[in-house]
Protein backbone atom coordinates (compact mmCIF):
# COMPACT_ATOMS: atom_id res chain seq x y z
CA MET A 1 98.02 66.84 137.94
CA ALA A 2 96.87 69.20 135.35
CA GLU A 3 100.01 71.94 133.19
CA THR A 4 98.69 75.59 132.73
CA SER A 5 100.81 77.73 130.99
CA LYS A 6 100.61 81.38 131.71
CA LYS A 7 100.78 83.30 127.96
CA THR A 8 102.55 86.08 128.49
CA LYS A 9 101.02 89.01 126.80
CA GLN A 10 103.42 91.00 124.03
CA GLU A 11 103.85 94.39 124.85
CA MET A 12 103.04 96.90 121.92
CA LYS A 13 104.84 98.98 120.55
CA ALA A 14 103.91 102.21 118.62
CA LEU A 15 106.00 104.48 115.98
CA MET A 16 105.64 107.51 114.50
CA VAL A 17 106.47 107.50 110.81
CA GLY A 18 107.27 110.77 108.51
CA ILE A 19 108.08 110.51 105.02
CA ALA A 20 109.13 114.08 102.78
CA LEU A 21 108.64 113.46 99.25
CA ASP A 22 110.25 116.51 98.40
CA SER A 23 113.98 116.50 97.67
CA ASP A 24 117.35 118.16 96.76
CA GLY A 25 119.15 114.56 96.17
CA HIS A 26 120.40 114.50 99.75
CA LYS A 27 118.85 110.79 101.60
CA ARG A 28 118.13 111.97 104.93
CA ILE A 29 117.11 109.27 107.45
CA THR A 30 116.45 110.32 111.14
CA THR A 31 115.24 107.56 113.82
CA GLY A 32 114.72 108.18 117.47
CA PRO A 33 112.84 105.84 120.15
CA ASN A 34 109.20 105.86 119.12
CA PHE A 35 110.14 107.69 115.62
CA ALA A 36 111.54 107.41 112.20
CA LEU A 37 111.53 110.09 109.45
CA VAL A 38 113.19 109.59 106.25
CA GLY A 39 113.28 111.99 102.75
CA GLY A 40 112.61 115.58 102.58
CA LYS A 41 114.89 118.81 101.87
CA GLU A 42 116.74 119.89 104.84
CA GLU A 43 113.80 122.08 106.00
CA THR A 44 111.76 119.79 105.73
CA HIS A 45 113.01 117.22 107.40
CA ALA A 46 114.32 119.29 110.20
CA GLU A 47 110.00 120.19 110.63
CA MET A 48 109.68 116.72 111.33
CA THR A 49 112.21 116.06 113.64
CA GLU A 50 111.60 119.09 115.35
CA LYS A 51 107.71 118.48 115.24
CA VAL A 52 108.84 114.51 116.81
CA ILE A 53 110.71 115.93 119.33
CA ARG A 54 108.12 118.23 120.32
CA ILE A 55 105.52 115.36 120.46
CA ASN A 56 107.78 113.19 122.46
CA GLU A 57 108.51 116.23 124.97
CA LYS A 58 104.94 116.73 125.35
CA LEU A 59 104.57 112.45 126.08
CA GLU A 60 107.22 113.33 128.98
CA ALA A 61 105.52 116.24 130.44
CA LYS A 62 102.09 114.13 130.70
CA GLY A 63 104.10 110.47 131.70
CA LYS A 64 102.68 108.86 129.12
CA ARG A 65 104.50 106.66 126.28
CA LEU A 66 102.75 106.88 122.83
CA GLU A 67 101.81 103.11 122.73
CA ASP A 68 99.23 104.41 125.98
CA MET A 69 97.68 107.06 124.14
CA SER A 70 94.45 106.86 122.34
CA ARG A 71 94.27 108.07 118.80
CA GLU A 72 91.88 111.06 120.09
CA GLU A 73 95.45 112.43 122.94
CA PHE A 74 97.37 112.20 119.88
CA ASP A 75 95.46 114.29 117.36
CA ASP A 76 95.10 116.82 120.32
CA ILE A 77 99.06 116.69 120.83
CA ALA A 78 99.49 116.70 117.23
CA ARG A 79 97.65 119.48 116.64
CA GLU A 80 99.62 121.35 119.55
CA VAL A 81 102.69 121.27 117.97
CA GLY A 82 101.40 122.08 114.44
CA LEU A 83 100.62 118.66 112.44
CA ARG A 84 97.30 118.94 110.93
CA ARG A 85 95.47 115.81 109.44
CA SER A 86 95.29 115.92 105.74
């Protein structure tokens, strides 16, 4: 009898990463379930934090996880919260 092995698919995870390059001498790091934010002056860091929280709220309202979204869906939500692609 041949033995069959069942491969389990490793679940993919997605992470939003924000890096601010301005500084006032303080080291700021904020993490959440699907994001990590590093750096920035107090105002910049607060702005990044607000935007990832708003993205997460929109994901929850749609019943989606970050890793389940297409790039286009993510870009639409990012634009809605005021992010723009460089």
